[in-house]
Every structure is written in C-alpha cells, then in structure tokens.
Amino acid sequence: MQLHQVAQHADDLDRATDFYSRLLDAGPLARFDPPGLVFFALGSTRLLLERGAPSALLYLRVDDVRRKVAELGDAGVEVHTRPHEIFPDQDGVFGPAGEAEWMAFVKDSEGNLLGLATRYPM
C-alpha cells in the first residue's frame, strides 16, 4: 500500500497554485474550477489543493533544507521554525546510518504549516 493523494486547504487557488508551483519547481498536473481543485505531482503521490479541504501538515523532502528556507525567506515566505537537527540517525532507522534528519517549518500562502526535511551526513 502507498499514499495515493493528500489534500491541502486553499482559500485562494491562484495564490496557492503560484506558491506550490514555485516551491515544487513544477506546475500543476490539472486544474478543475469549478469545483475548485488543483493537482500537483509529489513523486507518485498527488497533492490536491482544494477550498473545501481541511488544513493538513505536510512534510516535504527537499535537497537542502537550509538553502530552501533561505530562498523562501528571501521571497517573503514566513519561516515558522528555522532549519535544525531533529534526529541523529546513527543506526539507520529512517535512512542511511550516520545521517541526521533536519527540519524547518514555513507557512504556505494560505497559512498552512509546511514541514521541510533533509538528511545530512553527521
């Protein structure tokens, strides 16, 4: 079994589409308005932006969380929590042994909290 789709609340579909297009470096897969749905690809999972969806806390893996947060901050995105080490994974519980998981949290264009994660060598 794998995650097929996740929905995220968006009051303003145009604003949210612009935010996630820049964040993901890719445009949407499809838009259906009405009823107010925008889809993005997250690997093999779809991200659905929808006016009627509840807010979700998404965690996205990025190549370099420190660089991505700096870019987003420079673009005016609200940084909620700066990049910091969450878990030193010496035993390889969540990936290769000897890497540390780092995370940061930002607010998307709709006020939803969004986690960004990277693994760095320890």
PDB file of N, CA and C in Angstrom:
ATOM      1  N   MET A   1       0.843  -1.168   0.000  1.00  0.00           N
ATOM      2  CA  MET A   1       0.000   0.000   0.000  1.00  0.00           C
ATOM      3  C   MET A   1       0.894   1.240   0.000  1.00  0.00           C
ATOM      4  N   GLN A   2       0.450   2.260  -0.686  1.00  0.00           N
ATOM      5  CA  GLN A   2       1.187   3.520  -0.684  1.00  0.00           C
ATOM      6  C   GLN A   2       0.212   4.681  -0.670  1.00  0.00           C
ATOM      7  N   LEU A   3       0.690   5.827  -0.249  1.00  0.00           N
ATOM      8  CA  LEU A   3      -0.136   7.026  -0.205  1.00  0.00           C
ATOM      9  C   LEU A   3      -0.439   7.471  -1.627  1.00  0.00           C
ATOM     10  N   HIS A   4      -1.707   7.635  -1.938  1.00  0.00           N
ATOM     11  CA  HIS A   4      -2.149   7.975  -3.285  1.00  0.00           C
ATOM     12  C   HIS A   4      -2.321   9.480  -3.477  1.00  0.00           C
ATOM     13  N   GLN A   5      -2.978  10.139  -2.507  1.00  0.00           N
ATOM     14  CA  GLN A   5      -3.276  11.562  -2.648  1.00  0.00           C
ATOM     15  C   GLN A   5      -3.422  12.183  -1.270  1.00  0.00           C
ATOM     16  N   VAL A   6      -3.015  13.441  -1.148  1.00  0.00           N
ATOM     17  CA  VAL A   6      -3.210  14.203   0.069  1.00  0.00           C
ATOM     18  C   VAL A   6      -3.814  15.544  -0.330  1.00  0.00           C
ATOM     19  N   ALA A   7      -4.756  16.028   0.482  1.00  0.00           N
ATOM     20  CA  ALA A   7      -5.423  17.289   0.184  1.00  0.00           C
ATOM     21  C   ALA A   7      -4.950  18.364   1.151  1.00  0.00           C
ATOM     22  N   GLN A   8      -4.856  19.580   0.640  1.00  0.00           N
ATOM     23  CA  GLN A   8      -4.461  20.733   1.449  1.00  0.00           C
ATOM     24  C   GLN A   8      -5.460  21.854   1.207  1.00  0.00           C
ATOM     25  N   HIS A   9      -5.851  22.539   2.267  1.00  0.00           N
ATOM     26  CA  HIS A   9      -6.789  23.653   2.170  1.00  0.00           C
ATOM     27  C   HIS A   9      -6.159  24.841   1.443  1.00  0.00           C
ATOM     28  N   ALA A  10      -6.950  25.460   0.590  1.00  0.00           N
ATOM     29  CA  ALA A  10      -6.516  26.673  -0.118  1.00  0.00           C
ATOM     30  C   ALA A  10      -7.704  27.610  -0.263  1.00  0.00           C
ATOM     31  N   ASP A  11      -7.652  28.768   0.389  1.00  0.00           N
ATOM     32  CA  ASP A  11      -8.704  29.780   0.231  1.00  0.00           C
ATOM     33  C   ASP A  11      -8.661  30.381  -1.163  1.00  0.00           C
ATOM     34  N   ASP A  12      -7.461  30.668  -1.645  1.00  0.00           N
ATOM     35  CA  ASP A  12      -7.261  31.325  -2.935  1.00  0.00           C
ATOM     36  C   ASP A  12      -6.464  30.369  -3.820  1.00  0.00           C
ATOM     37  N   LEU A  13      -7.140  29.718  -4.757  1.00  0.00           N
ATOM     38  CA  LEU A  13      -6.470  28.707  -5.600  1.00  0.00           C
ATOM     39  C   LEU A  13      -5.357  29.288  -6.452  1.00  0.00           C
ATOM     40  N   ASP A  14      -5.533  30.501  -6.964  1.00  0.00           N
ATOM     41  CA  ASP A  14      -4.477  31.111  -7.776  1.00  0.00           C
ATOM     42  C   ASP A  14      -3.228  31.363  -6.935  1.00  0.00           C
ATOM     43  N   ARG A  15      -3.410  31.945  -5.772  1.00  0.00           N
ATOM     44  CA  ARG A  15      -2.283  32.234  -4.881  1.00  0.00           C
ATOM     45  C   ARG A  15      -1.604  30.935  -4.441  1.00  0.00           C
ATOM     46  N   ALA A  16      -2.392  29.923  -4.068  1.00  0.00           N
ATOM     47  CA  ALA A  16      -1.837  28.643  -3.626  1.00  0.00           C
ATOM     48  C   ALA A  16      -1.130  27.924  -4.779  1.00  0.00           C
ATOM     49  N   THR A  17      -1.698  28.006  -5.971  1.00  0.00           N
ATOM     50  CA  THR A  17      -1.067  27.379  -7.141  1.00  0.00           C
ATOM     51  C   THR A  17       0.291  28.020  -7.416  1.00  0.00           C
ATOM     52  N   ASP A  18       0.359  29.341  -7.317  1.00  0.00           N
ATOM     53  CA  ASP A  18       1.626  30.041  -7.523  1.00  0.00           C
ATOM     54  C   ASP A  18       2.648  29.621  -6.458  1.00  0.00           C
ATOM     55  N   PHE A  19       2.221  29.567  -5.195  1.00  0.00           N
ATOM     56  CA  PHE A  19       3.129  29.186  -4.114  1.00  0.00           C
ATOM     57  C   PHE A  19       3.687  27.783  -4.336  1.00  0.00           C
ATOM     58  N   TYR A  20       2.819  26.804  -4.559  1.00  0.00           N
ATOM     59  CA  TYR A  20       3.285  25.424  -4.697  1.00  0.00           C
ATOM     60  C   TYR A  20       4.033  25.199  -6.013  1.00  0.00           C
ATOM     61  N   SER A  21       3.705  25.934  -7.059  1.00  0.00           N
ATOM     62  CA  SER A  21       4.479  25.844  -8.310  1.00  0.00           C
ATOM     63  C   SER A  21       5.924  26.273  -8.079  1.00  0.00           C
ATOM     64  N   ARG A  22       6.104  27.381  -7.320  1.00  0.00           N
ATOM     65  CA  ARG A  22       7.462  27.846  -7.017  1.00  0.00           C
ATOM     66  C   ARG A  22       8.174  26.899  -6.056  1.00  0.00           C
ATOM     67  N   LEU A  23       7.466  26.433  -5.039  1.00  0.00           N
ATOM     68  CA  LEU A  23       8.069  25.529  -4.054  1.00  0.00           C
ATOM     69  C   LEU A  23       8.522  24.225  -4.701  1.00  0.00           C
ATOM     70  N   LEU A  24       7.678  23.647  -5.542  1.00  0.00           N
ATOM     71  CA  LEU A  24       7.953  22.339  -6.137  1.00  0.00           C
ATOM     72  C   LEU A  24       8.721  22.429  -7.449  1.00  0.00           C
ATOM     73  N   ASP A  25       8.960  23.636  -7.930  1.00  0.00           N
ATOM     74  CA  ASP A  25       9.624  23.837  -9.232  1.00  0.00           C
ATOM     75  C   ASP A  25       8.899  23.093 -10.351  1.00  0.00           C
ATOM     76  N   ALA A  26       7.575  23.076 -10.280  1.00  0.00           N
ATOM     77  CA  ALA A  26       6.764  22.398 -11.298  1.00  0.00           C
ATOM     78  C   ALA A  26       5.346  22.949 -11.249  1.00  0.00           C
ATOM     79  N   GLY A  27       4.744  23.041 -12.407  1.00  0.00           N
ATOM     80  CA  GLY A  27       3.365  23.491 -12.469  1.00  0.00           C
ATOM     81  C   GLY A  27       2.398  22.386 -12.103  1.00  0.00           C
ATOM     82  N   PRO A  28       1.140  22.726 -11.999  1.00  0.00           N
ATOM     83  CA  PRO A  28       0.131  21.733 -11.645  1.00  0.00           C
ATOM     84  C   PRO A  28      -0.091  20.704 -12.753  1.00  0.00           C
ATOM     85  N   LEU A  29      -0.549  19.527 -12.335  1.00  0.00           N
ATOM     86  CA  LEU A  29      -0.925  18.478 -13.293  1.00  0.00           C
ATOM     87  C   LEU A  29      -2.254  18.813 -13.961  1.00  0.00           C
ATOM     88  N   ALA A  30      -3.178  19.328 -13.148  1.00  0.00           N
ATOM     89  CA  ALA A  30      -4.519  19.625 -13.664  1.00  0.00           C
ATOM     90  C   ALA A  30      -5.199  20.625 -12.741  1.00  0.00           C
ATOM     91  N   ARG A  31      -6.159  21.337 -13.331  1.00  0.00           N
ATOM     92  CA  ARG A  31      -6.984  22.271 -12.558  1.00  0.00           C
ATOM     93  C   ARG A  31      -8.421  22.111 -13.019  1.00  0.00           C
ATOM     94  N   PHE A  32      -9.320  21.997 -12.066  1.00  0.00           N
ATOM     95  CA  PHE A  32     -10.744  21.882 -12.352  1.00  0.00           C
ATOM     96  C   PHE A  32     -11.454  22.940 -11.511  1.00  0.00           C
ATOM     97  N   ASP A  33     -11.884  24.018 -12.182  1.00  0.00           N
ATOM     98  CA  ASP A  33     -12.502  25.131 -11.464  1.00  0.00           C
ATOM     99  C   ASP A  33     -13.659  25.667 -12.291  1.00  0.00           C
ATOM    100  N   PRO A  34     -14.926  25.388 -11.968  1.00  0.00           N
ATOM    101  CA  PRO A  34     -15.350  24.690 -10.769  1.00  0.00           C
ATOM    102  C   PRO A  34     -15.039  23.200 -10.849  1.00  0.00           C
ATOM    103  N   PRO A  35     -14.964  22.558  -9.737  1.00  0.00           N
ATOM    104  CA  PRO A  35     -15.399  22.925  -8.399  1.00  0.00           C
ATOM    105  C   PRO A  35     -14.327  23.576  -7.530  1.00  0.00           C
ATOM    106  N   GLY A  36     -13.104  23.766  -8.039  1.00  0.00           N
ATOM    107  CA  GLY A  36     -12.042  24.395  -7.248  1.00  0.00           C
ATOM    108  C   GLY A  36     -11.007  23.395  -6.786  1.00  0.00           C
ATOM    109  N   LEU A  37     -10.370  22.703  -7.734  1.00  0.00           N
ATOM    110  CA  LEU A  37      -9.369  21.684  -7.432  1.00  0.00           C
ATOM    111  C   LEU A  37      -8.124  21.916  -8.282  1.00  0.00           C
ATOM    112  N   VAL A  38      -6.945  21.832  -7.652  1.00  0.00           N
ATOM    113  CA  VAL A  38      -5.672  21.917  -8.370  1.00  0.00           C
ATOM    114  C   VAL A  38      -4.816  20.750  -7.892  1.00  0.00           C
ATOM    115  N   PHE A  39      -4.218  20.018  -8.841  1.00  0.00           N
ATOM    116  CA  PHE A  39      -3.419  18.837  -8.527  1.00  0.00           C
ATOM    117  C   PHE A  39      -1.958  19.052  -8.909  1.00  0.00           C
ATOM    118  N   PHE A  40      -1.053  18.614  -8.038  1.00  0.00           N
ATOM    119  CA  PHE A  40       0.389  18.596  -8.285  1.00  0.00           C
ATOM    120  C   PHE A  40       0.903  17.180  -8.086  1.00  0.00           C
ATOM    121  N   ALA A  41       2.023  16.861  -8.712  1.00  0.00           N
ATOM    122  CA  ALA A  41       2.687  15.575  -8.502  1.00  0.00           C
ATOM    123  C   ALA A  41       3.730  15.726  -7.407  1.00  0.00           C
ATOM    124  N   LEU A  42       3.667  14.829  -6.434  1.00  0.00           N
ATOM    125  CA  LEU A  42       4.702  14.699  -5.397  1.00  0.00           C
ATOM    126  C   LEU A  42       5.223  13.278  -5.499  1.00  0.00           C
ATOM    127  N   GLY A  43       6.147  13.060  -6.420  1.00  0.00           N
ATOM    128  CA  GLY A  43       6.564  11.689  -6.700  1.00  0.00           C
ATOM    129  C   GLY A  43       5.368  10.942  -7.259  1.00  0.00           C
ATOM    130  N   SER A  44       5.034   9.809  -6.651  1.00  0.00           N
ATOM    131  CA  SER A  44       3.880   9.044  -7.112  1.00  0.00           C
ATOM    132  C   SER A  44       2.595   9.421  -6.367  1.00  0.00           C
ATOM    133  N   THR A  45       2.664  10.422  -5.505  1.00  0.00           N
ATOM    134  CA  THR A  45       1.504  10.892  -4.750  1.00  0.00           C
ATOM    135  C   THR A  45       1.024  12.216  -5.334  1.00  0.00           C
ATOM    136  N   ARG A  46      -0.279  12.402  -5.346  1.00  0.00           N
ATOM    137  CA  ARG A  46      -0.827  13.670  -5.815  1.00  0.00           C
ATOM    138  C   ARG A  46      -1.097  14.584  -4.623  1.00  0.00           C
ATOM    139  N   LEU A  47      -0.800  15.862  -4.800  1.00  0.00           N
ATOM    140  CA  LEU A  47      -1.174  16.902  -3.859  1.00  0.00           C
ATOM    141  C   LEU A  47      -2.372  17.620  -4.454  1.00  0.00           C
ATOM    142  N   LEU A  48      -3.471  17.641  -3.716  1.00  0.00           N
ATOM    143  CA  LEU A  48      -4.690  18.306  -4.142  1.00  0.00           C
ATOM    144  C   LEU A  48      -4.871  19.572  -3.319  1.00  0.00           C
ATOM    145  N   LEU A  49      -4.952  20.701  -3.977  1.00  0.00           N
ATOM    146  CA  LEU A  49      -5.312  21.963  -3.321  1.00  0.00           C
ATOM    147  C   LEU A  49      -6.801  22.160  -3.542  1.00  0.00           C
ATOM    148  N   GLU A  50      -7.528  22.369  -2.437  1.00  0.00           N
ATOM    149  CA  GLU A  50      -8.985  22.443  -2.529  1.00  0.00           C
ATOM    150  C   GLU A  50      -9.529  23.414  -1.492  1.00  0.00           C
ATOM    151  N   ARG A  51     -10.463  24.235  -1.904  1.00  0.00           N
ATOM    152  CA  ARG A  51     -11.079  25.194  -0.982  1.00  0.00           C
ATOM    153  C   ARG A  51     -11.757  24.492   0.191  1.00  0.00           C
ATOM    154  N   GLY A  52     -12.403  23.371  -0.042  1.00  0.00           N
ATOM    155  CA  GLY A  52     -13.160  22.685   0.998  1.00  0.00           C
ATOM    156  C   GLY A  52     -12.361  21.718   1.848  1.00  0.00           C
ATOM    157  N   ALA A  53     -11.075  21.536   1.554  1.00  0.00           N
ATOM    158  CA  ALA A  53     -10.258  20.580   2.308  1.00  0.00           C
ATOM    159  C   ALA A  53      -9.839  21.180   3.648  1.00  0.00           C
ATOM    160  N   PRO A  54      -9.653  20.336   4.657  1.00  0.00           N
ATOM    161  CA  PRO A  54      -9.094  20.847   5.915  1.00  0.00           C
ATOM    162  C   PRO A  54      -7.599  21.108   5.748  1.00  0.00           C
ATOM    163  N   SER A  55      -7.051  21.865   6.658  1.00  0.00           N
ATOM    164  CA  SER A  55      -5.616  22.103   6.658  1.00  0.00           C
ATOM    165  C   SER A  55      -4.891  20.808   7.032  1.00  0.00           C
ATOM    166  N   ALA A  56      -3.812  20.518   6.344  1.00  0.00           N
ATOM    167  CA  ALA A  56      -3.003  19.331   6.631  1.00  0.00           C
ATOM    168  C   ALA A  56      -1.576  19.776   6.922  1.00  0.00           C
ATOM    169  N   LEU A  57      -0.885  19.036   7.760  1.00  0.00           N
ATOM    170  CA  LEU A  57       0.539  19.300   7.991  1.00  0.00           C
ATOM    171  C   LEU A  57       1.324  18.370   7.080  1.00  0.00           C
ATOM    172  N   LEU A  58       1.872  18.937   6.007  1.00  0.00           N
ATOM    173  CA  LEU A  58       2.653  18.176   5.039  1.00  0.00           C
ATOM    174  C   LEU A  58       4.129  18.298   5.374  1.00  0.00           C
ATOM    175  N   TYR A  59       4.872  17.219   5.182  1.00  0.00           N
ATOM    176  CA  TYR A  59       6.320  17.218   5.314  1.00  0.00           C
ATOM    177  C   TYR A  59       6.883  16.854   3.945  1.00  0.00           C
ATOM    178  N   LEU A  60       7.687  17.736   3.380  1.00  0.00           N
ATOM    179  CA  LEU A  60       8.279  17.509   2.062  1.00  0.00           C
ATOM    180  C   LEU A  60       9.784  17.361   2.198  1.00  0.00           C
ATOM    181  N   ARG A  61      10.328  16.347   1.539  1.00  0.00           N
ATOM    182  CA  ARG A  61      11.778  16.187   1.498  1.00  0.00           C
ATOM    183  C   ARG A  61      12.321  17.117   0.428  1.00  0.00           C
ATOM    184  N   VAL A  62      13.319  17.902   0.789  1.00  0.00           N
ATOM    185  CA  VAL A  62      13.972  18.818  -0.142  1.00  0.00           C
ATOM    186  C   VAL A  62      15.462  18.484  -0.164  1.00  0.00           C
ATOM    187  N   ASP A  63      16.151  18.898  -1.230  1.00  0.00           N
ATOM    188  CA  ASP A  63      17.579  18.585  -1.368  1.00  0.00           C
ATOM    189  C   ASP A  63      18.422  19.203  -0.264  1.00  0.00           C
ATOM    190  N   ASP A  64      18.108  20.441   0.109  1.00  0.00           N
ATOM    191  CA  ASP A  64      18.907  21.155   1.113  1.00  0.00           C
ATOM    192  C   ASP A  64      17.983  22.111   1.855  1.00  0.00           C
ATOM    193  N   VAL A  65      17.540  21.706   3.038  1.00  0.00           N
ATOM    194  CA  VAL A  65      16.556  22.488   3.787  1.00  0.00           C
ATOM    195  C   VAL A  65      17.095  23.869   4.146  1.00  0.00           C
ATOM    196  N   ARG A  66      18.377  23.977   4.422  1.00  0.00           N
ATOM    197  CA  ARG A  66      18.941  25.291   4.762  1.00  0.00           C
ATOM    198  C   ARG A  66      18.848  26.250   3.575  1.00  0.00           C
ATOM    199  N   ARG A  67      19.198  25.758   2.398  1.00  0.00           N
ATOM    200  CA  ARG A  67      19.139  26.584   1.190  1.00  0.00           C
ATOM    201  C   ARG A  67      17.691  26.915   0.827  1.00  0.00           C
ATOM    202  N   LYS A  68      16.797  25.922   0.892  1.00  0.00           N
ATOM    203  CA  LYS A  68      15.407  26.124   0.517  1.00  0.00           C
ATOM    204  C   LYS A  68      14.729  27.147   1.436  1.00  0.00           C
ATOM    205  N   VAL A  69      14.991  27.062   2.737  1.00  0.00           N
ATOM    206  CA  VAL A  69      14.395  28.024   3.675  1.00  0.00           C
ATOM    207  C   VAL A  69      14.942  29.427   3.423  1.00  0.00           C
ATOM    208  N   ALA A  70      16.221  29.538   3.117  1.00  0.00           N
ATOM    209  CA  ALA A  70      16.792  30.850   2.792  1.00  0.00           C
ATOM    210  C   ALA A  70      16.116  31.428   1.544  1.00  0.00           C
ATOM    211  N   GLU A  71      15.933  30.604   0.513  1.00  0.00           N
ATOM    212  CA  GLU A  71      15.264  31.059  -0.716  1.00  0.00           C
ATOM    213  C   GLU A  71      13.831  31.501  -0.430  1.00  0.00           C
ATOM    214  N   LEU A  72      13.113  30.685   0.334  1.00  0.00           N
ATOM    215  CA  LEU A  72      11.724  31.011   0.643  1.00  0.00           C
ATOM    216  C   LEU A  72      11.628  32.284   1.485  1.00  0.00           C
ATOM    217  N   GLY A  73      12.510  32.403   2.476  1.00  0.00           N
ATOM    218  CA  GLY A  73      12.527  33.609   3.303  1.00  0.00           C
ATOM    219  C   GLY A  73      12.809  34.851   2.477  1.00  0.00           C
ATOM    220  N   ASP A  74      13.767  34.746   1.537  1.00  0.00           N
ATOM    221  CA  ASP A  74      14.083  35.873   0.649  1.00  0.00           C
ATOM    222  C   ASP A  74      12.891  36.249  -0.226  1.00  0.00           C
ATOM    223  N   ALA A  75      12.028  35.269  -0.515  1.00  0.00           N
ATOM    224  CA  ALA A  75      10.845  35.516  -1.345  1.00  0.00           C
ATOM    225  C   ALA A  75       9.653  35.992  -0.515  1.00  0.00           C
ATOM    226  N   GLY A  76       9.862  36.201   0.788  1.00  0.00           N
ATOM    227  CA  GLY A  76       8.793  36.721   1.627  1.00  0.00           C
ATOM    228  C   GLY A  76       7.935  35.682   2.316  1.00  0.00           C
ATOM    229  N   VAL A  77       8.302  34.397   2.196  1.00  0.00           N
ATOM    230  CA  VAL A  77       7.554  33.334   2.862  1.00  0.00           C
ATOM    231  C   VAL A  77       7.851  33.384   4.359  1.00  0.00           C
ATOM    232  N   GLU A  78       6.822  33.225   5.177  1.00  0.00           N
ATOM    233  CA  GLU A  78       7.002  33.235   6.631  1.00  0.00           C
ATOM    234  C   GLU A  78       7.689  31.951   7.086  1.00  0.00           C
ATOM    235  N   VAL A  79       8.844  32.120   7.717  1.00  0.00           N
ATOM    236  CA  VAL A  79       9.570  30.980   8.276  1.00  0.00           C
ATOM    237  C   VAL A  79       9.119  30.833   9.723  1.00  0.00           C
ATOM    238  N   HIS A  80       8.496  29.731  10.030  1.00  0.00           N
ATOM    239  CA  HIS A  80       7.964  29.469  11.373  1.00  0.00           C
ATOM    240  C   HIS A  80       9.063  28.935  12.288  1.00  0.00           C
ATOM    241  N   THR A  81       9.838  27.954  11.795  1.00  0.00           N
ATOM    242  CA  THR A  81      10.935  27.358  12.562  1.00  0.00           C
ATOM    243  C   THR A  81      12.119  27.156  11.628  1.00  0.00           C
ATOM    244  N   ARG A  82      13.253  27.723  11.972  1.00  0.00           N
ATOM    245  CA  ARG A  82      14.458  27.628  11.143  1.00  0.00           C
ATOM    246  C   ARG A  82      14.977  26.192  11.103  1.00  0.00           C
ATOM    247  N   PRO A  83      15.794  25.864  10.087  1.00  0.00           N
ATOM    248  CA  PRO A  83      16.347  24.513   9.988  1.00  0.00           C
ATOM    249  C   PRO A  83      17.145  24.128  11.241  1.00  0.00           C
ATOM    250  N   HIS A  84      16.881  22.924  11.698  1.00  0.00           N
ATOM    251  CA  HIS A  84      17.582  22.406  12.872  1.00  0.00           C
ATOM    252  C   HIS A  84      17.551  20.877  12.840  1.00  0.00           C
ATOM    253  N   GLU A  85      18.500  20.295  13.536  1.00  0.00           N
ATOM    254  CA  GLU A  85      18.576  18.838  13.587  1.00  0.00           C
ATOM    255  C   GLU A  85      17.460  18.296  14.461  1.00  0.00           C
ATOM    256  N   ILE A  86      16.750  17.308  13.928  1.00  0.00           N
ATOM    257  CA  ILE A  86      15.647  16.657  14.633  1.00  0.00           C
ATOM    258  C   ILE A  86      16.097  15.334  15.233  1.00  0.00           C
ATOM    259  N   PHE A  87      16.864  14.552  14.434  1.00  0.00           N
ATOM    260  CA  PHE A  87      17.174  13.187  14.841  1.00  0.00           C
ATOM    261  C   PHE A  87      18.510  12.751  14.251  1.00  0.00           C
ATOM    262  N   PRO A  88      19.503  12.475  15.109  1.00  0.00           N
ATOM    263  CA  PRO A  88      20.758  11.903  14.610  1.00  0.00           C
ATOM    264  C   PRO A  88      20.563  10.400  14.420  1.00  0.00           C
ATOM    265  N   ASP A  89      20.476   9.976  13.191  1.00  0.00           N
ATOM    266  CA  ASP A  89      20.120   8.587  12.863  1.00  0.00           C
ATOM    267  C   ASP A  89      21.373   7.723  12.723  1.00  0.00           C
ATOM    268  N   GLN A  90      21.995   7.435  13.828  1.00  0.00           N
ATOM    269  CA  GLN A  90      23.229   6.649  13.812  1.00  0.00           C
ATOM    270  C   GLN A  90      23.004   5.203  13.380  1.00  0.00           C
ATOM    271  N   ASP A  91      21.802   4.668  13.637  1.00  0.00           N
ATOM    272  CA  ASP A  91      21.522   3.263  13.346  1.00  0.00           C
ATOM    273  C   ASP A  91      20.792   3.038  12.031  1.00  0.00           C
ATOM    274  N   GLY A  92      20.436   4.091  11.328  1.00  0.00           N
ATOM    275  CA  GLY A  92      19.747   3.933  10.051  1.00  0.00           C
ATOM    276  C   GLY A  92      18.276   3.581  10.191  1.00  0.00           C
ATOM    277  N   VAL A  93      17.608   4.105  11.194  1.00  0.00           N
ATOM    278  CA  VAL A  93      16.192   3.826  11.415  1.00  0.00           C
ATOM    279  C   VAL A  93      15.330   4.367  10.263  1.00  0.00           C
ATOM    280  N   PHE A  94      15.633   5.582   9.797  1.00  0.00           N
ATOM    281  CA  PHE A  94      14.824   6.222   8.762  1.00  0.00           C
ATOM    282  C   PHE A  94      15.570   6.445   7.447  1.00  0.00           C
ATOM    283  N   GLY A  95      16.745   5.906   7.311  1.00  0.00           N
ATOM    284  CA  GLY A  95      17.549   6.079   6.104  1.00  0.00           C
ATOM    285  C   GLY A  95      18.947   5.580   6.390  1.00  0.00           C
ATOM    286  N   PRO A  96      19.908   5.988   5.584  1.00  0.00           N
ATOM    287  CA  PRO A  96      21.276   5.523   5.792  1.00  0.00           C
ATOM    288  C   PRO A  96      21.799   5.872   7.190  1.00  0.00           C
ATOM    289  N   ALA A  97      22.457   4.904   7.798  1.00  0.00           N
ATOM    290  CA  ALA A  97      23.066   5.130   9.110  1.00  0.00           C
ATOM    291  C   ALA A  97      24.108   6.234   9.006  1.00  0.00           C
ATOM    292  N   GLY A  98      24.217   7.030  10.075  1.00  0.00           N
ATOM    293  CA  GLY A  98      25.215   8.087  10.105  1.00  0.00           C
ATOM    294  C   GLY A  98      24.743   9.396   9.499  1.00  0.00           C
ATOM    295  N   GLU A  99      23.453   9.505   9.206  1.00  0.00           N
ATOM    296  CA  GLU A  99      22.892  10.763   8.721  1.00  0.00           C
ATOM    297  C   GLU A  99      21.965  11.330   9.783  1.00  0.00           C
ATOM    298  N   ALA A 100      21.844  12.645   9.799  1.00  0.00           N
ATOM    299  CA  ALA A 100      20.936  13.319  10.713  1.00  0.00           C
ATOM    300  C   ALA A 100      19.788  13.918   9.914  1.00  0.00           C
ATOM    301  N   GLU A 101      18.593  13.813  10.456  1.00  0.00           N
ATOM    302  CA  GLU A 101      17.427  14.423   9.830  1.00  0.00           C
ATOM    303  C   GLU A 101      17.282  15.843  10.346  1.00  0.00           C
ATOM    304  N   TRP A 102      17.181  16.785   9.424  1.00  0.00           N
ATOM    305  CA  TRP A 102      16.984  18.199   9.732  1.00  0.00           C
ATOM    306  C   TRP A 102      15.618  18.613   9.211  1.00  0.00           C
ATOM    307  N   MET A 103      14.963  19.521   9.942  1.00  0.00           N
ATOM    308  CA  MET A 103      13.661  20.034   9.512  1.00  0.00           C
ATOM    309  C   MET A 103      13.569  21.524   9.759  1.00  0.00           C
ATOM    310  N   ALA A 104      12.653  22.109   9.018  1.00  0.00           N
ATOM    311  CA  ALA A 104      12.251  23.500   9.207  1.00  0.00           C
ATOM    312  C   ALA A 104      10.770  23.559   8.888  1.00  0.00           C
ATOM    313  N   PHE A 105      10.117  24.622   9.360  1.00  0.00           N
ATOM    314  CA  PHE A 105       8.692  24.793   9.101  1.00  0.00           C
ATOM    315  C   PHE A 105       8.439  26.194   8.568  1.00  0.00           C
ATOM    316  N   VAL A 106       7.641  26.263   7.504  1.00  0.00           N
ATOM    317  CA  VAL A 106       7.250  27.532   6.894  1.00  0.00           C
ATOM    318  C   VAL A 106       5.730  27.555   6.784  1.00  0.00           C
ATOM    319  N   LYS A 107       5.192  28.735   6.526  1.00  0.00           N
ATOM    320  CA  LYS A 107       3.759  28.877   6.269  1.00  0.00           C
ATOM    321  C   LYS A 107       3.565  29.029   4.770  1.00  0.00           C
ATOM    322  N   ASP A 108       2.626  28.263   4.223  1.00  0.00           N
ATOM    323  CA  ASP A 108       2.341  28.427   2.796  1.00  0.00           C
ATOM    324  C   ASP A 108       1.491  29.676   2.589  1.00  0.00           C
ATOM    325  N   SER A 109       1.114  29.942   1.376  1.00  0.00           N
ATOM    326  CA  SER A 109       0.376  31.161   1.040  1.00  0.00           C
ATOM    327  C   SER A 109      -0.991  31.220   1.703  1.00  0.00           C
ATOM    328  N   GLU A 110      -1.487  30.076   2.175  1.00  0.00           N
ATOM    329  CA  GLU A 110      -2.816  30.010   2.775  1.00  0.00           C
ATOM    330  C   GLU A 110      -2.767  29.931   4.294  1.00  0.00           C
ATOM    331  N   GLY A 111      -1.547  30.021   4.861  1.00  0.00           N
ATOM    332  CA  GLY A 111      -1.394  29.969   6.308  1.00  0.00           C
ATOM    333  C   GLY A 111      -1.223  28.578   6.872  1.00  0.00           C
ATOM    334  N   ASN A 112      -1.144  27.560   6.003  1.00  0.00           N
ATOM    335  CA  ASN A 112      -0.922  26.188   6.448  1.00  0.00           C
ATOM    336  C   ASN A 112       0.546  25.996   6.813  1.00  0.00           C
ATOM    337  N   LEU A 113       0.801  25.279   7.889  1.00  0.00           N
ATOM    338  CA  LEU A 113       2.171  24.950   8.272  1.00  0.00           C
ATOM    339  C   LEU A 113       2.688  23.841   7.363  1.00  0.00           C
ATOM    340  N   LEU A 114       3.931  23.975   6.915  1.00  0.00           N
ATOM    341  CA  LEU A 114       4.545  23.049   5.975  1.00  0.00           C
ATOM    342  C   LEU A 114       5.923  22.686   6.488  1.00  0.00           C
ATOM    343  N   GLY A 115       6.183  21.393   6.689  1.00  0.00           N
ATOM    344  CA  GLY A 115       7.494  20.923   7.127  1.00  0.00           C
ATOM    345  C   GLY A 115       8.382  20.606   5.936  1.00  0.00           C
ATOM    346  N   LEU A 116       9.645  20.982   6.031  1.00  0.00           N
ATOM    347  CA  LEU A 116      10.651  20.675   5.007  1.00  0.00           C
ATOM    348  C   LEU A 116      11.754  19.878   5.678  1.00  0.00           C
ATOM    349  N   ALA A 117      12.194  18.804   5.045  1.00  0.00           N
ATOM    350  CA  ALA A 117      13.173  17.916   5.673  1.00  0.00           C
ATOM    351  C   ALA A 117      14.291  17.546   4.714  1.00  0.00           C
ATOM    352  N   THR A 118      15.485  17.382   5.285  1.00  0.00           N
ATOM    353  CA  THR A 118      16.686  16.943   4.564  1.00  0.00           C
ATOM    354  C   THR A 118      17.496  16.062   5.505  1.00  0.00           C
ATOM    355  N   ARG A 119      18.178  15.094   4.943  1.00  0.00           N
ATOM    356  CA  ARG A 119      19.141  14.293   5.709  1.00  0.00           C
ATOM    357  C   ARG A 119      20.540  14.732   5.319  1.00  0.00           C
ATOM    358  N   TYR A 120      21.351  15.030   6.334  1.00  0.00           N
ATOM    359  CA  TYR A 120      22.745  15.440   6.131  1.00  0.00           C
ATOM    360  C   TYR A 120      23.657  14.435   6.807  1.00  0.00           C
ATOM    361  N   PRO A 121      24.869  14.224   6.273  1.00  0.00           N
ATOM    362  CA  PRO A 121      25.847  13.381   6.980  1.00  0.00           C
ATOM    363  C   PRO A 121      26.150  13.980   8.352  1.00  0.00           C
ATOM    364  N   MET A 122      26.334  13.117   9.326  1.00  0.00           N
ATOM    365  CA  MET A 122      26.629  13.593  10.681  1.00  0.00           C
ATOM    366  C   MET A 122      28.120  13.884  10.809  1.00  0.00           C
TER     367      MET A 122
END
